[in-house]
Amino acid sequence: MPTLLLFALAILSLALIPFAPQLLRLRLRFLRWIHWDWAANLLEKSLDRWVMLFRIVLIVIAAGLLYFGWESLRG
């Protein structure tokens, strides 16, 4: 994988961190649109934890991509 693409994906995942609540609320609207109210209610009940988990996952993805990008530059 080209190094520039790794860094671009890492920057994209870091840029998405502030938008985590809006992305999860969009998912809630989609679930309600397809009439999966049980799933939307379950997600809405613990929205703060899901937002924190989503942010942690984005940080881990960004850290991994930056690490692999840095190692491919060195090697």
N, C-alpha and C. Protein backbone atom coordinates (compact mmCIF):
# COMPACT_ATOMS: atom_id res chain seq x y z
N MET A 1 0.85 -1.17 0.00
CA MET A 1 0.00 0.00 0.00
C MET A 1 0.90 1.24 0.00
N PRO A 2 0.64 2.20 -0.86
CA PRO A 2 1.48 3.39 -0.89
C PRO A 2 1.44 4.15 0.44
N THR A 3 2.57 4.71 0.78
CA THR A 3 2.71 5.40 2.05
C THR A 3 1.79 6.60 2.14
N LEU A 4 1.64 7.32 1.06
CA LEU A 4 0.79 8.51 1.07
C LEU A 4 -0.66 8.14 1.37
N LEU A 5 -1.10 7.01 0.86
CA LEU A 5 -2.47 6.56 1.12
C LEU A 5 -2.66 6.22 2.60
N LEU A 6 -1.67 5.62 3.22
CA LEU A 6 -1.75 5.31 4.65
C LEU A 6 -1.90 6.58 5.48
N PHE A 7 -1.08 7.59 5.15
CA PHE A 7 -1.16 8.85 5.89
C PHE A 7 -2.47 9.56 5.62
N ALA A 8 -2.98 9.49 4.40
CA ALA A 8 -4.25 10.13 4.07
C ALA A 8 -5.40 9.47 4.83
N LEU A 9 -5.40 8.15 4.92
CA LEU A 9 -6.45 7.46 5.68
C LEU A 9 -6.34 7.75 7.18
N ALA A 10 -5.12 7.89 7.68
CA ALA A 10 -4.93 8.23 9.09
C ALA A 10 -5.47 9.63 9.38
N ILE A 11 -5.19 10.57 8.49
CA ILE A 11 -5.69 11.93 8.66
C ILE A 11 -7.22 11.96 8.57
N LEU A 12 -7.78 11.17 7.66
CA LEU A 12 -9.23 11.09 7.54
C LEU A 12 -9.87 10.53 8.81
N SER A 13 -9.28 9.49 9.37
CA SER A 13 -9.85 8.93 10.60
C SER A 13 -9.71 9.90 11.77
N LEU A 14 -8.63 10.67 11.81
CA LEU A 14 -8.49 11.68 12.86
C LEU A 14 -9.48 12.82 12.65
N ALA A 15 -9.77 13.16 11.39
CA ALA A 15 -10.71 14.23 11.11
C ALA A 15 -12.15 13.82 11.44
N LEU A 16 -12.44 12.53 11.44
CA LEU A 16 -13.80 12.07 11.74
C LEU A 16 -14.11 12.00 13.23
N ILE A 17 -13.10 12.11 14.08
CA ILE A 17 -13.32 11.99 15.52
C ILE A 17 -14.32 13.02 16.06
N PRO A 18 -14.24 14.30 15.69
CA PRO A 18 -15.24 15.24 16.22
C PRO A 18 -16.65 14.99 15.70
N PHE A 19 -16.79 14.28 14.59
CA PHE A 19 -18.09 14.05 14.00
C PHE A 19 -18.73 12.73 14.44
N ALA A 20 -18.16 12.07 15.43
CA ALA A 20 -18.68 10.78 15.88
C ALA A 20 -20.13 10.87 16.36
N PRO A 21 -20.51 11.86 17.17
CA PRO A 21 -21.93 11.90 17.59
C PRO A 21 -22.90 12.08 16.42
N GLN A 22 -22.53 12.93 15.46
CA GLN A 22 -23.41 13.14 14.32
C GLN A 22 -23.53 11.89 13.46
N LEU A 23 -22.42 11.14 13.31
CA LEU A 23 -22.46 9.91 12.54
C LEU A 23 -23.33 8.86 13.20
N LEU A 24 -23.27 8.79 14.52
CA LEU A 24 -24.11 7.81 15.22
C LEU A 24 -25.58 8.21 15.21
N ARG A 25 -25.85 9.52 15.28
CA ARG A 25 -27.24 9.96 15.16
C ARG A 25 -27.79 9.72 13.76
N LEU A 26 -26.92 9.83 12.76
CA LEU A 26 -27.33 9.49 11.40
C LEU A 26 -27.69 8.00 11.30
N ARG A 27 -26.92 7.18 11.97
CA ARG A 27 -27.21 5.75 12.00
C ARG A 27 -28.54 5.49 12.71
N LEU A 28 -28.83 6.26 13.77
CA LEU A 28 -30.12 6.13 14.44
C LEU A 28 -31.26 6.45 13.49
N ARG A 29 -31.12 7.55 12.74
CA ARG A 29 -32.16 7.91 11.79
C ARG A 29 -32.34 6.84 10.73
N PHE A 30 -31.24 6.25 10.26
CA PHE A 30 -31.34 5.20 9.25
C PHE A 30 -32.05 3.98 9.81
N LEU A 31 -31.72 3.60 11.05
CA LEU A 31 -32.37 2.45 11.67
C LEU A 31 -33.87 2.68 11.84
N ARG A 32 -34.24 3.90 12.20
CA ARG A 32 -35.67 4.20 12.32
C ARG A 32 -36.34 4.23 10.94
N TRP A 33 -35.62 4.65 9.93
CA TRP A 33 -36.16 4.71 8.58
C TRP A 33 -36.48 3.32 8.05
N ILE A 34 -35.64 2.34 8.39
CA ILE A 34 -35.93 0.98 7.95
C ILE A 34 -36.77 0.22 8.98
N HIS A 35 -37.33 0.96 9.94
CA HIS A 35 -38.27 0.44 10.94
C HIS A 35 -37.63 -0.59 11.87
N TRP A 36 -36.37 -0.41 12.19
CA TRP A 36 -35.72 -1.22 13.20
C TRP A 36 -35.68 -0.42 14.50
N ASP A 37 -36.84 -0.16 15.04
CA ASP A 37 -36.93 0.67 16.24
C ASP A 37 -36.24 0.04 17.44
N TRP A 38 -36.26 -1.28 17.54
CA TRP A 38 -35.61 -1.94 18.67
C TRP A 38 -34.11 -1.67 18.66
N ALA A 39 -33.49 -1.68 17.46
CA ALA A 39 -32.05 -1.42 17.38
C ALA A 39 -31.75 0.05 17.65
N ALA A 40 -32.61 0.93 17.15
CA ALA A 40 -32.41 2.36 17.39
C ALA A 40 -32.57 2.69 18.86
N ASN A 41 -33.55 2.08 19.52
CA ASN A 41 -33.73 2.32 20.95
C ASN A 41 -32.55 1.80 21.76
N LEU A 42 -32.03 0.66 21.37
CA LEU A 42 -30.87 0.10 22.07
C LEU A 42 -29.65 0.99 21.91
N LEU A 43 -29.45 1.51 20.71
CA LEU A 43 -28.31 2.39 20.45
C LEU A 43 -28.48 3.73 21.14
N GLU A 44 -29.71 4.23 21.15
CA GLU A 44 -29.98 5.54 21.74
C GLU A 44 -29.83 5.52 23.26
N LYS A 45 -30.12 4.37 23.85
CA LYS A 45 -30.06 4.25 25.31
C LYS A 45 -28.64 4.46 25.83
N SER A 46 -27.67 4.02 25.08
CA SER A 46 -26.27 4.14 25.53
C SER A 46 -25.44 4.87 24.48
N LEU A 47 -25.96 6.00 24.00
CA LEU A 47 -25.31 6.74 22.92
C LEU A 47 -23.93 7.26 23.34
N ASP A 48 -23.80 7.73 24.58
CA ASP A 48 -22.51 8.27 25.04
C ASP A 48 -21.40 7.22 25.01
N ARG A 49 -21.73 6.01 25.42
CA ARG A 49 -20.72 4.94 25.38
C ARG A 49 -20.36 4.56 23.96
N TRP A 50 -21.37 4.53 23.06
CA TRP A 50 -21.08 4.22 21.66
C TRP A 50 -20.21 5.29 21.02
N VAL A 51 -20.46 6.57 21.38
CA VAL A 51 -19.64 7.66 20.84
C VAL A 51 -18.19 7.50 21.32
N MET A 52 -18.01 7.21 22.59
CA MET A 52 -16.66 7.03 23.13
C MET A 52 -15.97 5.84 22.47
N LEU A 53 -16.69 4.74 22.29
CA LEU A 53 -16.12 3.57 21.63
C LEU A 53 -15.73 3.88 20.18
N PHE A 54 -16.60 4.60 19.48
CA PHE A 54 -16.34 4.98 18.09
C PHE A 54 -15.09 5.87 17.99
N ARG A 55 -14.95 6.79 18.94
CA ARG A 55 -13.76 7.67 18.94
C ARG A 55 -12.50 6.87 19.24
N ILE A 56 -12.57 5.93 20.17
CA ILE A 56 -11.40 5.11 20.49
C ILE A 56 -11.00 4.26 19.29
N VAL A 57 -11.97 3.70 18.61
CA VAL A 57 -11.68 2.89 17.42
C VAL A 57 -11.02 3.75 16.34
N LEU A 58 -11.51 4.97 16.15
CA LEU A 58 -10.89 5.85 15.15
C LEU A 58 -9.46 6.21 15.53
N ILE A 59 -9.20 6.43 16.81
CA ILE A 59 -7.84 6.75 17.26
C ILE A 59 -6.92 5.55 17.05
N VAL A 60 -7.40 4.36 17.35
CA VAL A 60 -6.58 3.15 17.17
C VAL A 60 -6.28 2.93 15.69
N ILE A 61 -7.28 3.13 14.84
CA ILE A 61 -7.06 2.99 13.39
C ILE A 61 -6.03 4.00 12.91
N ALA A 62 -6.16 5.25 13.35
CA ALA A 62 -5.22 6.29 12.93
C ALA A 62 -3.81 5.98 13.43
N ALA A 63 -3.68 5.52 14.67
CA ALA A 63 -2.36 5.21 15.22
C ALA A 63 -1.72 4.06 14.45
N GLY A 64 -2.51 3.03 14.14
CA GLY A 64 -1.98 1.90 13.37
C GLY A 64 -1.54 2.32 11.98
N LEU A 65 -2.35 3.12 11.31
CA LEU A 65 -1.98 3.58 9.97
C LEU A 65 -0.75 4.46 9.98
N LEU A 66 -0.66 5.34 10.97
CA LEU A 66 0.53 6.18 11.08
C LEU A 66 1.77 5.34 11.36
N TYR A 67 1.64 4.33 12.20
CA TYR A 67 2.77 3.46 12.50
C TYR A 67 3.24 2.71 11.25
N PHE A 68 2.29 2.09 10.53
CA PHE A 68 2.66 1.34 9.34
C PHE A 68 3.19 2.26 8.24
N GLY A 69 2.65 3.47 8.14
CA GLY A 69 3.17 4.43 7.18
C GLY A 69 4.59 4.86 7.52
N TRP A 70 4.84 5.10 8.80
CA TRP A 70 6.17 5.50 9.23
C TRP A 70 7.18 4.37 8.99
N GLU A 71 6.77 3.14 9.30
CA GLU A 71 7.68 2.00 9.11
C GLU A 71 7.97 1.76 7.62
N SER A 72 6.99 2.01 6.76
CA SER A 72 7.26 1.82 5.33
C SER A 72 8.15 2.92 4.78
N LEU A 73 8.13 4.10 5.41
CA LEU A 73 9.06 5.16 5.00
C LEU A 73 10.49 4.82 5.41
N ARG A 74 10.63 4.26 6.61
CA ARG A 74 11.96 3.93 7.12
C ARG A 74 12.56 2.73 6.41
N GLY A 75 11.72 1.77 6.06
CA GLY A 75 12.25 0.52 5.51
C GLY A 75 12.21 0.53 4.05
